[in-house]
N, C-alpha and C. Protein backbone atom coordinates (compact mmCIF):
# COMPACT_ATOMS: atom_id res chain seq x y z
N MET A 1 43.21 20.51 10.02
CA MET A 1 42.49 19.97 11.15
C MET A 1 41.46 20.97 11.67
N GLN A 2 41.87 22.24 11.71
CA GLN A 2 40.96 23.27 12.19
C GLN A 2 39.79 23.44 11.23
N ARG A 3 40.05 23.36 9.93
CA ARG A 3 38.99 23.47 8.94
C ARG A 3 37.98 22.34 9.10
N MET A 4 38.49 21.15 9.38
CA MET A 4 37.60 19.99 9.57
C MET A 4 36.71 20.21 10.79
N PHE A 5 37.29 20.72 11.86
CA PHE A 5 36.52 20.98 13.07
C PHE A 5 35.44 22.02 12.80
N ILE A 6 35.79 23.08 12.08
CA ILE A 6 34.82 24.14 11.75
C ILE A 6 33.71 23.57 10.87
N ALA A 7 34.09 22.75 9.90
CA ALA A 7 33.08 22.15 9.02
C ALA A 7 32.13 21.27 9.81
N LEU A 8 32.66 20.47 10.73
CA LEU A 8 31.81 19.62 11.57
C LEU A 8 30.90 20.46 12.46
N ALA A 9 31.41 21.54 13.00
CA ALA A 9 30.61 22.42 13.85
C ALA A 9 29.47 23.05 13.04
N VAL A 10 29.78 23.47 11.82
CA VAL A 10 28.75 24.07 10.96
C VAL A 10 27.68 23.03 10.61
N LEU A 11 28.11 21.82 10.29
CA LEU A 11 27.14 20.75 9.98
C LEU A 11 26.25 20.44 11.18
N ALA A 12 26.86 20.37 12.35
CA ALA A 12 26.08 20.09 13.56
C ALA A 12 25.06 21.19 13.81
N ALA A 13 25.48 22.44 13.63
CA ALA A 13 24.55 23.56 13.81
C ALA A 13 23.45 23.52 12.77
N ALA A 14 23.78 23.17 11.55
CA ALA A 14 22.78 23.12 10.48
C ALA A 14 21.73 22.05 10.78
N PHE A 15 22.17 20.88 11.24
CA PHE A 15 21.21 19.83 11.56
C PHE A 15 20.32 20.23 12.72
N THR A 16 20.89 20.90 13.70
CA THR A 16 20.11 21.35 14.85
C THR A 16 19.08 22.38 14.43
N LEU A 17 19.49 23.34 13.63
CA LEU A 17 18.57 24.39 13.21
C LEU A 17 17.54 23.90 12.21
N ALA A 18 17.85 22.88 11.46
CA ALA A 18 16.92 22.36 10.45
C ALA A 18 15.87 21.46 11.07
N GLY A 19 15.96 21.20 12.35
CA GLY A 19 14.97 20.35 12.99
C GLY A 19 15.15 18.90 12.58
N CYS A 20 16.37 18.49 12.42
CA CYS A 20 16.66 17.16 11.92
C CYS A 20 16.62 16.12 13.04
N GLY A 21 16.01 16.46 14.15
CA GLY A 21 15.96 15.53 15.25
C GLY A 21 15.18 14.28 14.89
N LYS A 22 15.39 13.25 15.66
CA LYS A 22 14.76 11.97 15.34
C LYS A 22 13.44 11.79 16.09
N LYS A 23 12.98 12.82 16.74
CA LYS A 23 11.75 12.72 17.50
C LYS A 23 10.54 12.83 16.58
N ALA A 24 9.61 11.94 16.75
CA ALA A 24 8.37 11.97 15.97
C ALA A 24 7.34 12.77 16.76
N ASP A 25 6.71 13.73 16.12
CA ASP A 25 5.76 14.61 16.79
C ASP A 25 4.43 14.56 16.05
N ALA A 26 3.41 14.12 16.75
CA ALA A 26 2.08 14.00 16.14
C ALA A 26 1.33 15.33 16.13
N THR A 27 1.90 16.36 16.75
CA THR A 27 1.18 17.63 16.84
C THR A 27 1.68 18.68 15.86
N THR A 28 2.81 18.43 15.22
CA THR A 28 3.33 19.39 14.24
C THR A 28 2.36 19.49 13.07
N PRO A 29 1.95 20.70 12.69
CA PRO A 29 1.02 20.83 11.56
C PRO A 29 1.59 20.22 10.29
N ILE A 30 0.73 19.59 9.50
CA ILE A 30 1.14 18.91 8.27
C ILE A 30 1.88 19.86 7.33
N ASP A 31 1.40 21.10 7.20
CA ASP A 31 2.07 22.06 6.32
C ASP A 31 3.50 22.30 6.76
N GLN A 32 3.71 22.38 8.06
CA GLN A 32 5.05 22.58 8.59
C GLN A 32 5.91 21.34 8.33
N VAL A 33 5.34 20.15 8.47
CA VAL A 33 6.07 18.92 8.20
C VAL A 33 6.47 18.86 6.72
N LYS A 34 5.55 19.26 5.83
CA LYS A 34 5.86 19.27 4.40
C LYS A 34 7.00 20.23 4.09
N ALA A 35 6.96 21.41 4.69
CA ALA A 35 8.01 22.40 4.45
C ALA A 35 9.35 21.89 4.97
N GLN A 36 9.33 21.28 6.13
CA GLN A 36 10.56 20.75 6.70
C GLN A 36 11.11 19.62 5.84
N ALA A 37 10.23 18.75 5.36
CA ALA A 37 10.67 17.61 4.55
C ALA A 37 11.35 18.07 3.27
N GLN A 38 10.88 19.17 2.70
CA GLN A 38 11.48 19.68 1.47
C GLN A 38 12.89 20.21 1.69
N GLN A 39 13.18 20.63 2.91
CA GLN A 39 14.49 21.20 3.22
C GLN A 39 15.52 20.15 3.62
N LEU A 40 15.07 18.96 3.96
CA LEU A 40 15.98 17.92 4.44
C LEU A 40 16.57 17.12 3.28
N ASP A 41 17.75 16.55 3.52
CA ASP A 41 18.32 15.66 2.52
C ASP A 41 17.77 14.25 2.75
N ALA A 42 18.10 13.34 1.84
CA ALA A 42 17.54 11.99 1.90
C ALA A 42 17.89 11.26 3.20
N THR A 43 19.09 11.45 3.70
CA THR A 43 19.50 10.79 4.94
C THR A 43 18.68 11.29 6.12
N ALA A 44 18.47 12.58 6.19
CA ALA A 44 17.69 13.15 7.29
C ALA A 44 16.22 12.73 7.19
N ILE A 45 15.71 12.68 5.96
CA ILE A 45 14.32 12.23 5.77
C ILE A 45 14.18 10.79 6.23
N GLN A 46 15.15 9.95 5.88
CA GLN A 46 15.10 8.55 6.30
C GLN A 46 15.13 8.43 7.82
N ALA A 47 15.91 9.29 8.48
CA ALA A 47 15.95 9.28 9.94
C ALA A 47 14.58 9.64 10.51
N LYS A 48 13.92 10.62 9.89
CA LYS A 48 12.56 10.99 10.32
C LYS A 48 11.59 9.82 10.11
N ILE A 49 11.69 9.17 8.96
CA ILE A 49 10.82 8.03 8.66
C ILE A 49 11.01 6.94 9.72
N ASP A 50 12.26 6.65 10.05
CA ASP A 50 12.54 5.63 11.06
C ASP A 50 11.97 6.03 12.42
N ALA A 51 12.08 7.30 12.77
CA ALA A 51 11.55 7.78 14.05
C ALA A 51 10.03 7.65 14.09
N TYR A 52 9.37 8.01 12.98
CA TYR A 52 7.91 7.91 12.94
C TYR A 52 7.46 6.45 12.96
N LYS A 53 8.18 5.58 12.27
CA LYS A 53 7.83 4.15 12.29
C LYS A 53 7.94 3.62 13.72
N ALA A 54 8.99 4.01 14.43
CA ALA A 54 9.16 3.56 15.81
C ALA A 54 8.04 4.08 16.70
N ALA A 55 7.65 5.34 16.50
CA ALA A 55 6.58 5.92 17.31
C ALA A 55 5.25 5.22 17.03
N VAL A 56 4.99 4.91 15.77
CA VAL A 56 3.75 4.20 15.42
C VAL A 56 3.75 2.82 16.05
N ALA A 57 4.87 2.12 15.98
CA ALA A 57 4.97 0.79 16.58
C ALA A 57 4.74 0.84 18.09
N GLU A 58 5.28 1.89 18.72
CA GLU A 58 5.09 2.05 20.16
C GLU A 58 3.61 2.25 20.50
N LYS A 59 2.95 3.09 19.72
CA LYS A 59 1.52 3.34 19.96
C LYS A 59 0.70 2.09 19.70
N GLN A 60 1.08 1.31 18.69
CA GLN A 60 0.35 0.07 18.41
C GLN A 60 0.53 -0.93 19.54
N ALA A 61 1.70 -0.94 20.16
CA ALA A 61 1.91 -1.81 21.32
C ALA A 61 1.02 -1.37 22.48
N GLU A 62 0.87 -0.05 22.64
CA GLU A 62 -0.03 0.46 23.69
C GLU A 62 -1.47 0.02 23.41
N LEU A 63 -1.86 0.08 22.15
CA LEU A 63 -3.21 -0.36 21.78
C LEU A 63 -3.41 -1.84 22.08
N GLN A 64 -2.39 -2.64 21.82
CA GLN A 64 -2.47 -4.07 22.09
C GLN A 64 -2.67 -4.32 23.59
N LYS A 65 -1.95 -3.58 24.41
CA LYS A 65 -2.10 -3.73 25.86
C LYS A 65 -3.52 -3.35 26.30
N LEU A 66 -4.04 -2.27 25.71
CA LEU A 66 -5.42 -1.88 26.04
C LEU A 66 -6.42 -2.93 25.61
N ALA A 67 -6.20 -3.52 24.45
CA ALA A 67 -7.10 -4.56 23.96
C ALA A 67 -7.12 -5.74 24.93
N GLU A 68 -5.96 -6.08 25.47
CA GLU A 68 -5.90 -7.16 26.44
C GLU A 68 -6.65 -6.81 27.72
N LYS A 69 -6.57 -5.55 28.14
CA LYS A 69 -7.31 -5.11 29.32
C LYS A 69 -8.81 -5.19 29.08
N VAL A 70 -9.23 -4.80 27.87
CA VAL A 70 -10.66 -4.84 27.54
C VAL A 70 -11.15 -6.28 27.54
N LYS A 71 -10.36 -7.18 27.00
CA LYS A 71 -10.74 -8.59 26.98
C LYS A 71 -10.90 -9.15 28.39
N ALA A 72 -10.14 -8.60 29.34
CA ALA A 72 -10.19 -9.08 30.71
C ALA A 72 -11.44 -8.59 31.46
N ILE A 73 -12.13 -7.61 30.91
CA ILE A 73 -13.32 -7.07 31.58
C ILE A 73 -14.48 -8.04 31.34
N PRO A 74 -15.16 -8.42 32.41
CA PRO A 74 -16.32 -9.30 32.26
C PRO A 74 -17.41 -8.65 31.39
N ILE A 75 -18.14 -9.45 30.70
CA ILE A 75 -19.19 -8.95 29.80
C ILE A 75 -20.19 -8.09 30.57
N THR A 76 -20.47 -8.43 31.78
CA THR A 76 -21.44 -7.67 32.57
C THR A 76 -20.95 -6.26 32.89
N GLU A 77 -19.65 -6.01 32.77
CA GLU A 77 -19.09 -4.70 33.09
C GLU A 77 -18.64 -3.93 31.84
N MET A 78 -18.97 -4.44 30.66
CA MET A 78 -18.51 -3.81 29.42
C MET A 78 -19.05 -2.39 29.23
N LEU A 79 -20.15 -2.06 29.84
CA LEU A 79 -20.70 -0.71 29.72
C LEU A 79 -20.37 0.15 30.94
N GLY A 80 -19.52 -0.37 31.81
CA GLY A 80 -19.15 0.35 33.02
C GLY A 80 -18.10 1.42 32.79
N ASP A 81 -17.76 2.10 33.88
CA ASP A 81 -16.81 3.21 33.82
C ASP A 81 -15.43 2.76 33.35
N GLU A 82 -14.97 1.61 33.82
CA GLU A 82 -13.63 1.13 33.44
C GLU A 82 -13.56 0.88 31.93
N ALA A 83 -14.57 0.27 31.37
CA ALA A 83 -14.59 0.00 29.93
C ALA A 83 -14.65 1.31 29.14
N LYS A 84 -15.44 2.26 29.63
CA LYS A 84 -15.53 3.56 28.95
C LYS A 84 -14.19 4.28 28.99
N LYS A 85 -13.50 4.19 30.12
CA LYS A 85 -12.19 4.82 30.26
C LYS A 85 -11.20 4.19 29.29
N LEU A 86 -11.21 2.87 29.20
CA LEU A 86 -10.31 2.19 28.28
C LEU A 86 -10.63 2.53 26.82
N LYS A 87 -11.92 2.65 26.52
CA LYS A 87 -12.34 3.00 25.16
C LYS A 87 -11.86 4.41 24.80
N ALA A 88 -11.99 5.34 25.74
CA ALA A 88 -11.53 6.71 25.51
C ALA A 88 -10.02 6.74 25.31
N GLU A 89 -9.31 5.98 26.11
CA GLU A 89 -7.85 5.91 25.97
C GLU A 89 -7.47 5.29 24.63
N SER A 90 -8.20 4.28 24.23
CA SER A 90 -7.95 3.64 22.94
C SER A 90 -8.20 4.61 21.79
N ASP A 91 -9.27 5.36 21.88
CA ASP A 91 -9.58 6.35 20.84
C ASP A 91 -8.47 7.40 20.73
N LYS A 92 -7.96 7.82 21.87
CA LYS A 92 -6.90 8.82 21.90
C LYS A 92 -5.62 8.27 21.24
N ILE A 93 -5.29 7.04 21.54
CA ILE A 93 -4.10 6.42 20.95
C ILE A 93 -4.29 6.23 19.45
N GLN A 94 -5.49 5.84 19.05
CA GLN A 94 -5.76 5.66 17.61
C GLN A 94 -5.64 6.99 16.86
N GLU A 95 -6.07 8.06 17.48
CA GLU A 95 -5.91 9.39 16.87
C GLU A 95 -4.43 9.74 16.73
N ALA A 96 -3.63 9.41 17.74
CA ALA A 96 -2.20 9.67 17.69
C ALA A 96 -1.54 8.84 16.59
N VAL A 97 -1.96 7.58 16.45
CA VAL A 97 -1.42 6.73 15.39
C VAL A 97 -1.76 7.31 14.03
N LYS A 98 -2.97 7.79 13.87
CA LYS A 98 -3.39 8.40 12.59
C LYS A 98 -2.54 9.64 12.30
N ALA A 99 -2.35 10.48 13.30
CA ALA A 99 -1.55 11.70 13.12
C ALA A 99 -0.10 11.36 12.78
N LEU A 100 0.46 10.39 13.47
CA LEU A 100 1.84 9.98 13.20
C LEU A 100 1.95 9.39 11.80
N THR A 101 0.98 8.59 11.42
CA THR A 101 0.99 7.96 10.09
C THR A 101 0.87 9.01 8.99
N ASP A 102 0.03 10.01 9.20
CA ASP A 102 -0.10 11.09 8.21
C ASP A 102 1.23 11.82 8.01
N ARG A 103 1.92 12.09 9.12
CA ARG A 103 3.20 12.79 9.03
C ARG A 103 4.29 11.88 8.45
N LEU A 104 4.22 10.60 8.79
CA LEU A 104 5.15 9.63 8.21
C LEU A 104 5.01 9.61 6.69
N GLN A 105 3.78 9.63 6.21
CA GLN A 105 3.53 9.60 4.77
C GLN A 105 4.12 10.82 4.06
N VAL A 106 4.10 11.96 4.73
CA VAL A 106 4.71 13.17 4.15
C VAL A 106 6.19 12.94 3.91
N TYR A 107 6.87 12.35 4.89
CA TYR A 107 8.30 12.09 4.74
C TYR A 107 8.57 11.01 3.69
N VAL A 108 7.73 9.99 3.64
CA VAL A 108 7.89 8.95 2.62
C VAL A 108 7.74 9.56 1.23
N ASP A 109 6.72 10.39 1.06
CA ASP A 109 6.51 11.05 -0.24
C ASP A 109 7.70 11.95 -0.60
N ALA A 110 8.22 12.66 0.38
CA ALA A 110 9.37 13.55 0.14
C ALA A 110 10.60 12.75 -0.26
N LEU A 111 10.80 11.62 0.39
CA LEU A 111 11.95 10.77 0.05
C LEU A 111 11.80 10.21 -1.36
N GLN A 112 10.59 9.80 -1.71
CA GLN A 112 10.35 9.28 -3.06
C GLN A 112 10.55 10.37 -4.10
N SER A 113 10.12 11.58 -3.82
CA SER A 113 10.30 12.66 -4.80
C SER A 113 11.77 13.03 -4.95
N LYS A 114 12.52 12.97 -3.84
CA LYS A 114 13.96 13.25 -3.93
C LYS A 114 14.67 12.16 -4.71
N ALA A 115 14.23 10.92 -4.55
CA ALA A 115 14.85 9.80 -5.27
C ALA A 115 14.53 9.88 -6.75
N ALA A 116 13.33 10.37 -7.08
CA ALA A 116 12.91 10.46 -8.49
C ALA A 116 13.48 11.69 -9.18
N ALA A 117 13.87 12.69 -8.40
CA ALA A 117 14.39 13.94 -8.99
C ALA A 117 15.75 13.69 -9.61
N PRO A 118 16.01 14.30 -10.76
CA PRO A 118 17.31 14.13 -11.38
C PRO A 118 18.41 14.78 -10.54
N ALA A 119 19.57 14.18 -10.53
CA ALA A 119 20.70 14.72 -9.75
C ALA A 119 21.16 16.04 -10.34
N LYS A 120 21.48 16.97 -9.45
CA LYS A 120 21.93 18.28 -9.90
C LYS A 120 23.43 18.36 -9.92
């Protein structure tokens, strides 16, 4: 029983130190994401993929809400401050979606390479 507890504690510490969290981060440098993906097992990579997919979906929902706000602006005010503010916010969200998607692709590629690699 004690050995099992120690093994679980070691596994928990390993996951914590390996950065196996489920948080998707659009600011982590791609090189760092690639290095991290190579160190993770298939289950951890899949968890990262799921986290990034959720983050992308969340950002796309934000974009949809902004699009609805833009549609509500009268044509005569399309060049006004409110429209410019919404456009800037939309651009920022689109950049975040691109960054998240780029990092998601790194994990997808890593998972595919692990699946294609022969078992050791």
